[in-house]
């Protein structure tokens, strides 16, 4: 008898669900992963994501052991990322500490940097009582669904992302006590040493400059569409829609509050431009958001679930929720 069985839980066939046919110890599960690595890798390239469900994965250490057994790449720190997270241990983080009421639209993880993660892993430690799904979508399908004229502009011009990380701000310190949102450069680069920050920027080919009041501005230039290095498939690979602070993304009153808080130059956490420095029209970003909403796939987490996504083929996001929720995440390249 086969040790595992596969199925789908939606018509889009993302993710592929792998379950044990009989009870299995954790060591047996690791042996299964190692013995079937080639087959699992092919399935991941075909479907874009695999959900391991019903296996005895308990806690961050076990989560990390499964990632090691899959051996899809080298672990990455979340250096230069601007989503608020807590480091759990080693290269394992919480998925996001953004306010629960805020819905995070689909995106490819850190698609704005040159050395982006090839794979992203999720582990459900505490499933939410209601909502709070990690939303996913096929980036190949999204690429095909974007209006050709919009697509052509994105492809021709590329994108310029700007992040402003604060160093000193009593107001932002106060806001972060209640709703974690804007990171310090110390949190973003996991060091308080400016020299080390500059070194990491140069290693990752980030543009950067120090601004007033000990703030750091980081500039990322990247394409908006790429071809998968193994399959050659073209995918929508960017998060421009997350870098424009607009009423649709934030909600009207949060948008008004943002306009007030970030009234000074070079303080807004995110900015987005075409590669030549011209603004990306909001109408085009709203079209992208329409496509992403249409393509969004949701499934309820179960305790102990582990999902691995090819970060090029599959996008992810987070639905809003209330109550407890703890999803761990890790990255490899």
Protein backbone atom coordinates (compact mmCIF):
# COMPACT_ATOMS: atom_id res chain seq x y z
CA UNK A 1 0.00 0.00 0.00
CA UNK A 2 1.19 3.52 -0.80
CA UNK A 3 2.28 5.54 2.23
CA UNK A 4 0.41 8.63 1.04
CA UNK A 5 -2.52 9.72 -1.09
CA UNK A 6 -3.16 12.96 -2.98
CA UNK A 7 -6.26 15.03 -3.68
CA UNK A 8 -7.41 18.57 -4.49
CA UNK A 9 -9.70 20.75 -2.41
CA UNK A 10 -10.66 23.19 -5.15
CA UNK A 11 -11.18 23.38 -8.91
CA UNK A 12 -7.97 25.38 -9.43
CA UNK A 13 -5.92 22.38 -8.22
CA UNK A 14 -3.84 24.56 -5.90
CA UNK A 15 -2.51 23.31 -3.59
CA UNK A 16 -2.00 19.62 -4.20
CA UNK A 17 -2.89 17.95 -0.88
CA UNK A 18 -0.73 15.06 0.35
CA UNK A 19 -2.06 12.94 3.24
CA UNK A 20 -0.87 9.72 4.92
CA UNK A 21 -2.84 6.56 4.19
CA UNK A 22 -2.09 5.24 7.72
CA UNK A 23 -0.65 6.66 10.92
CA UNK A 24 2.97 7.65 10.50
CA UNK A 25 5.65 8.69 12.99
CA UNK A 26 7.51 11.93 12.42
CA UNK A 27 10.73 10.07 11.57
CA UNK A 28 8.81 7.98 9.05
CA UNK A 29 7.43 11.15 7.53
CA UNK A 30 10.94 12.61 7.16
CA UNK A 31 12.08 9.34 5.54
CA UNK A 32 9.13 9.57 3.13
CA UNK A 33 10.07 13.17 2.20
CA UNK A 34 13.70 12.24 1.53
CA UNK A 35 12.82 9.11 -0.46
CA UNK A 36 10.29 10.97 -2.61
CA UNK A 37 12.08 14.29 -3.01
CA UNK A 38 12.31 14.05 -6.82
CA UNK A 39 8.62 13.22 -7.20
CA UNK A 40 7.54 15.96 -4.78
CA UNK A 41 9.73 18.51 -6.56
CA UNK A 42 8.09 17.66 -9.90
CA UNK A 43 4.62 17.99 -8.36
CA UNK A 44 5.57 21.36 -6.90
CA UNK A 45 6.70 22.60 -10.32
CA UNK A 46 3.47 21.36 -11.86
CA UNK A 47 0.94 22.61 -9.32
CA UNK A 48 2.83 25.46 -7.65
CA UNK A 49 2.07 24.36 -4.09
CA UNK A 50 1.83 21.28 -1.88
CA UNK A 51 -0.14 21.05 1.38
CA UNK A 52 1.01 18.30 3.78
CA UNK A 53 -2.01 17.48 5.95
CA UNK A 54 -2.46 14.88 8.68
CA UNK A 55 1.24 14.32 9.36
CA UNK A 56 2.75 14.54 12.91
CA UNK A 57 4.44 17.94 12.51
CA UNK A 58 4.53 19.54 15.94
CA UNK A 59 6.12 22.93 16.48
CA UNK A 60 8.85 25.06 14.93
CA UNK A 61 11.62 22.46 15.29
CA UNK A 62 9.64 19.84 13.38
CA UNK A 63 8.65 22.44 10.76
CA UNK A 64 12.31 23.26 10.25
CA UNK A 65 13.22 19.56 9.99
CA UNK A 66 10.71 19.04 7.18
CA UNK A 67 12.16 22.03 5.30
CA UNK A 68 15.64 20.51 5.69
CA UNK A 69 14.37 17.14 4.42
CA UNK A 70 12.80 18.74 1.34
CA UNK A 71 16.20 20.35 0.61
CA UNK A 72 14.82 22.80 -1.94
CA UNK A 73 17.35 25.55 -1.19
CA UNK A 74 19.36 27.44 1.40
CA UNK A 75 17.50 29.12 4.29
CA UNK A 76 17.07 32.90 4.11
CA UNK A 77 16.70 35.59 6.74
CA UNK A 78 13.97 38.15 6.17
CA UNK A 79 16.55 40.93 5.68
CA UNK A 80 15.18 44.05 3.99
CA UNK A 81 11.56 42.94 4.25
CA UNK A 82 9.11 45.46 5.61
CA UNK A 83 6.25 43.30 6.91
CA UNK A 84 6.23 43.15 10.73
CA UNK A 85 7.24 39.66 11.89
CA UNK A 86 8.65 37.99 14.98
CA UNK A 87 11.66 35.70 14.69
CA UNK A 88 10.76 32.40 16.35
CA UNK A 89 14.07 30.57 15.99
CA UNK A 90 16.79 30.29 13.39
CA UNK A 91 15.20 31.08 10.00
CA UNK A 92 11.61 30.57 11.23
CA UNK A 93 9.38 33.64 11.64
CA UNK A 94 5.74 34.38 12.30
CA UNK A 95 3.98 34.88 8.96
CA UNK A 96 3.00 38.50 9.70
CA UNK A 97 2.15 40.65 12.70
CA UNK A 98 0.12 43.12 10.61
CA UNK A 99 -3.19 44.08 12.32
CA UNK A 100 -5.71 41.19 12.09
CA UNK A 101 -8.41 43.39 10.53
CA UNK A 102 -6.10 44.21 7.60
CA UNK A 103 -6.43 41.94 4.55
CA UNK A 104 -3.08 41.39 2.81
CA UNK A 105 -3.59 41.00 -0.96
CA UNK A 106 -1.83 38.34 -3.01
CA UNK A 107 1.86 38.83 -3.79
CA UNK A 108 5.08 36.90 -4.42
CA UNK A 109 7.29 37.06 -1.35
CA UNK A 110 9.96 39.75 -1.64
CA UNK A 111 9.56 39.88 -5.42
CA UNK A 112 11.07 43.38 -5.34
CA UNK A 113 14.60 42.15 -4.54
CA UNK A 114 17.13 40.59 -6.91
CA UNK A 115 17.82 37.55 -4.74
CA UNK A 116 14.20 36.71 -3.95
CA UNK A 117 13.13 33.47 -2.19
CA UNK A 118 12.49 30.55 -4.51
CA UNK A 119 10.25 28.81 -2.00
CA UNK A 120 8.13 29.84 0.95
CA UNK A 121 6.87 27.47 3.67
CA UNK A 122 3.92 27.85 6.06
CA UNK A 123 3.10 25.88 9.20
CA UNK A 124 -0.18 26.15 11.08
CA UNK A 125 0.54 26.17 14.81
CA UNK A 126 -2.77 27.77 15.87
CA UNK A 127 -5.56 27.82 13.28
CA UNK A 128 -7.91 30.82 13.40
CA UNK A 129 -11.45 30.19 14.59
CA UNK A 130 -12.88 32.08 11.64
CA UNK A 131 -11.33 33.41 8.42
CA UNK A 132 -7.58 34.18 8.55
CA UNK A 133 -6.78 31.94 5.60
CA UNK A 134 -3.44 32.18 3.84
CA UNK A 135 -4.84 33.02 0.42
CA UNK A 136 -3.06 31.68 -2.67
CA UNK A 137 -3.25 31.93 -6.47
CA UNK A 138 -1.54 30.69 -9.63
CA UNK A 139 0.79 33.46 -10.91
CA UNK A 140 0.67 31.90 -14.40
CA UNK A 141 -3.09 32.37 -14.55
CA UNK A 142 -2.80 35.92 -13.22
CA UNK A 143 -0.26 36.79 -15.91
CA UNK A 144 -2.69 35.61 -18.60
CA UNK A 145 -5.60 37.54 -17.03
CA UNK A 146 -3.94 40.97 -16.82
CA UNK A 147 -5.11 43.39 -19.52
CA UNK A 148 -2.55 43.25 -22.38
CA UNK A 149 -2.06 47.05 -22.46
CA UNK A 150 -1.44 47.19 -18.70
CA UNK A 151 0.85 44.18 -18.93
CA UNK A 152 2.87 45.76 -21.73
CA UNK A 153 3.55 48.91 -19.69
CA UNK A 154 4.64 46.91 -16.65
CA UNK A 155 6.90 44.69 -18.75
CA UNK A 156 8.47 47.54 -20.73
CA UNK A 157 9.17 49.84 -17.78
CA UNK A 158 9.84 47.51 -14.86
CA UNK A 159 9.30 48.77 -11.32
CA UNK A 160 11.01 50.94 -8.73
CA UNK A 161 10.02 50.22 -5.13
CA UNK A 162 10.93 52.54 -2.27
CA UNK A 163 10.77 51.66 1.43
CA UNK A 164 11.40 54.17 4.21
CA UNK A 165 12.43 52.57 7.51
CA UNK A 166 12.39 54.83 10.52
CA UNK A 167 15.08 55.24 13.11
CA UNK A 168 13.52 57.69 15.55
CA UNK A 169 9.83 58.56 15.78
CA UNK A 170 7.86 58.81 19.01
CA UNK A 171 4.63 58.82 17.01
CA UNK A 172 5.44 55.60 15.12
CA UNK A 173 6.71 53.98 18.33
CA UNK A 174 3.33 54.75 19.89
CA UNK A 175 1.36 53.47 16.90
CA UNK A 176 3.40 50.25 16.80
CA UNK A 177 2.54 49.57 20.44
CA UNK A 178 -1.08 49.10 19.38
CA UNK A 179 -0.90 48.16 15.70
CA UNK A 180 2.41 46.95 14.35
CA UNK A 181 2.90 48.33 10.88
CA UNK A 182 5.96 50.47 10.20
CA UNK A 183 9.32 48.80 10.92
CA UNK A 184 12.53 50.43 12.07
CA UNK A 185 15.62 49.81 9.96
CA UNK A 186 17.01 47.93 12.97
CA UNK A 187 14.11 45.46 12.76
CA UNK A 188 14.21 45.25 8.97
CA UNK A 189 17.93 44.42 8.86
CA UNK A 190 18.14 42.64 12.22
CA UNK A 191 21.02 44.83 13.43
CA UNK A 192 21.60 48.26 14.99
CA UNK A 193 24.98 48.63 13.25
CA UNK A 194 24.72 51.09 10.34
CA UNK A 195 27.84 49.69 8.74
CA UNK A 196 26.34 46.22 8.74
CA UNK A 197 23.10 47.60 7.25
CA UNK A 198 25.06 49.21 4.41
CA UNK A 199 26.98 45.99 3.84
CA UNK A 200 23.76 43.98 3.58
CA UNK A 201 22.27 46.53 1.19
CA UNK A 202 25.31 46.26 -1.07
CA UNK A 203 25.36 42.45 -0.89
CA UNK A 204 21.71 42.37 -2.00
CA UNK A 205 22.17 45.19 -4.54
CA UNK A 206 19.70 47.51 -2.80
CA UNK A 207 19.99 51.23 -3.41
CA UNK A 208 19.96 53.14 -0.10
CA UNK A 209 20.47 56.48 1.60
CA UNK A 210 20.26 57.80 5.14
CA UNK A 211 17.72 60.58 5.54
CA UNK A 212 16.76 62.99 8.31
CA UNK A 213 16.14 61.83 11.87
CA UNK A 214 18.12 58.64 11.35
CA UNK A 215 15.75 57.18 8.74
CA UNK A 216 16.84 54.79 5.99
CA UNK A 217 15.46 54.83 2.46
CA UNK A 218 15.92 51.63 0.44
CA UNK A 219 15.35 51.51 -3.33
CA UNK A 220 14.69 48.29 -5.22
CA UNK A 221 14.63 48.05 -9.05
CA UNK A 222 13.03 44.91 -10.46
CA UNK A 223 11.04 43.48 -13.37
CA UNK A 224 7.28 42.97 -13.07
CA UNK A 225 7.13 39.75 -15.10
CA UNK A 226 9.67 36.91 -15.15
CA UNK A 227 10.06 33.45 -16.66
CA UNK A 228 10.37 30.52 -14.29
CA UNK A 229 14.02 29.36 -14.42
CA UNK A 230 13.04 25.67 -14.72
CA UNK A 231 9.73 25.57 -16.57
CA UNK A 232 10.17 28.72 -18.68
CA UNK A 233 6.58 29.77 -17.91
CA UNK A 234 5.94 33.51 -17.72
CA UNK A 235 4.39 34.73 -14.49
CA UNK A 236 3.14 37.95 -12.93
CA UNK A 237 5.88 38.54 -10.37
CA UNK A 238 5.57 41.78 -8.40
CA UNK A 239 3.78 43.52 -5.57
CA UNK A 240 3.33 47.00 -6.98
CA UNK A 241 -0.28 47.06 -5.71
CA UNK A 242 0.99 46.74 -2.11
CA UNK A 243 3.29 49.75 -2.44
CA UNK A 244 0.61 52.28 -3.33
CA UNK A 245 -1.17 53.49 -0.21
CA UNK A 246 -4.66 53.98 -1.56
CA UNK A 247 -8.21 53.87 -0.12
CA UNK A 248 -8.93 50.48 -1.60
CA UNK A 249 -5.88 48.85 -0.01
CA UNK A 250 -6.11 50.53 3.39
CA UNK A 251 -9.78 51.42 3.73
CA UNK A 252 -10.91 55.06 3.62
CA UNK A 253 -10.27 56.11 7.24
CA UNK A 254 -6.91 54.34 7.46
CA UNK A 255 -5.97 56.06 4.20
CA UNK A 256 -6.89 59.45 5.68
CA UNK A 257 -4.85 58.66 8.80
CA UNK A 258 -1.89 57.68 6.64
CA UNK A 259 -2.06 61.00 4.76
CA UNK A 260 -1.85 62.84 8.08
CA UNK A 261 0.89 60.72 9.69
CA UNK A 262 3.14 60.66 6.62
CA UNK A 263 2.81 64.29 5.59
CA UNK A 264 6.58 64.82 5.48
CA UNK A 265 8.78 63.85 2.53
CA UNK A 266 10.58 60.47 2.61
CA UNK A 267 8.55 59.05 5.49
CA UNK A 268 5.84 57.01 3.76
CA UNK A 269 6.62 53.33 4.36
CA UNK A 270 5.98 52.35 0.72
CA UNK A 271 6.19 54.09 -2.63
CA UNK A 272 5.92 52.63 -6.13
CA UNK A 273 7.03 53.95 -9.55
CA UNK A 274 7.78 52.57 -12.95
CA UNK A 275 11.46 51.87 -13.46
CA UNK A 276 11.97 55.26 -15.14
CA UNK A 277 10.64 57.07 -12.05
CA UNK A 278 7.18 57.90 -13.46
CA UNK A 279 4.12 57.14 -11.28
CA UNK A 280 2.17 53.93 -11.77
CA UNK A 281 -1.43 55.09 -12.41
CA UNK A 282 -3.81 54.00 -9.68
CA UNK A 283 -6.30 52.88 -12.33
CA UNK A 284 -3.79 50.25 -13.49
CA UNK A 285 -3.10 49.10 -9.93
CA UNK A 286 -6.84 48.77 -9.29
CA UNK A 287 -7.13 46.60 -12.40
CA UNK A 288 -4.37 44.35 -11.03
CA UNK A 289 -6.21 44.13 -7.70
CA UNK A 290 -9.42 43.18 -9.52
CA UNK A 291 -7.61 40.30 -11.25
CA UNK A 292 -6.02 39.16 -7.98
CA UNK A 293 -9.38 39.13 -6.21
CA UNK A 294 -10.89 37.05 -8.99
CA UNK A 295 -8.03 34.53 -8.87
CA UNK A 296 -7.85 34.23 -5.05
CA UNK A 297 -8.09 30.73 -3.57
CA UNK A 298 -9.01 30.22 0.10
CA UNK A 299 -8.90 27.10 2.23
CA UNK A 300 -9.27 26.73 6.03
CA UNK A 301 -6.12 25.88 7.96
CA UNK A 302 -6.00 22.79 10.17
CA UNK A 303 -3.60 22.47 13.09
CA UNK A 304 -0.33 20.88 11.96
CA UNK A 305 -0.81 21.72 8.28
CA UNK A 306 2.37 22.54 6.38
CA UNK A 307 2.35 24.12 2.93
CA UNK A 308 5.23 24.77 0.57
CA UNK A 309 4.80 27.15 -2.38
CA UNK A 310 7.02 27.75 -5.36
CA UNK A 311 7.32 31.51 -4.79
CA UNK A 312 7.44 32.18 -8.55
CA UNK A 313 4.50 30.03 -9.61
CA UNK A 314 2.23 30.80 -6.66
CA UNK A 315 1.26 34.06 -4.95
CA UNK A 316 -0.02 34.29 -1.40
CA UNK A 317 -1.74 36.72 0.96
CA UNK A 318 -3.76 36.73 4.18
CA UNK A 319 -7.45 37.13 4.87
CA UNK A 320 -8.51 39.30 7.81
CA UNK A 321 -9.45 37.57 11.07
CA UNK A 322 -10.20 38.01 14.74
CA UNK A 323 -9.03 36.06 17.77
CA UNK A 324 -5.93 33.87 17.91
CA UNK A 325 -3.94 32.81 14.86
CA UNK A 326 -0.32 31.66 14.62
CA UNK A 327 1.15 30.65 11.28
CA UNK A 328 4.91 30.19 11.04
CA UNK A 329 6.87 30.88 7.87
CA UNK A 330 10.32 30.21 6.45
CA UNK A 331 12.10 31.05 3.18
CA UNK A 332 14.71 29.33 1.03
CA UNK A 333 16.55 30.28 -2.12
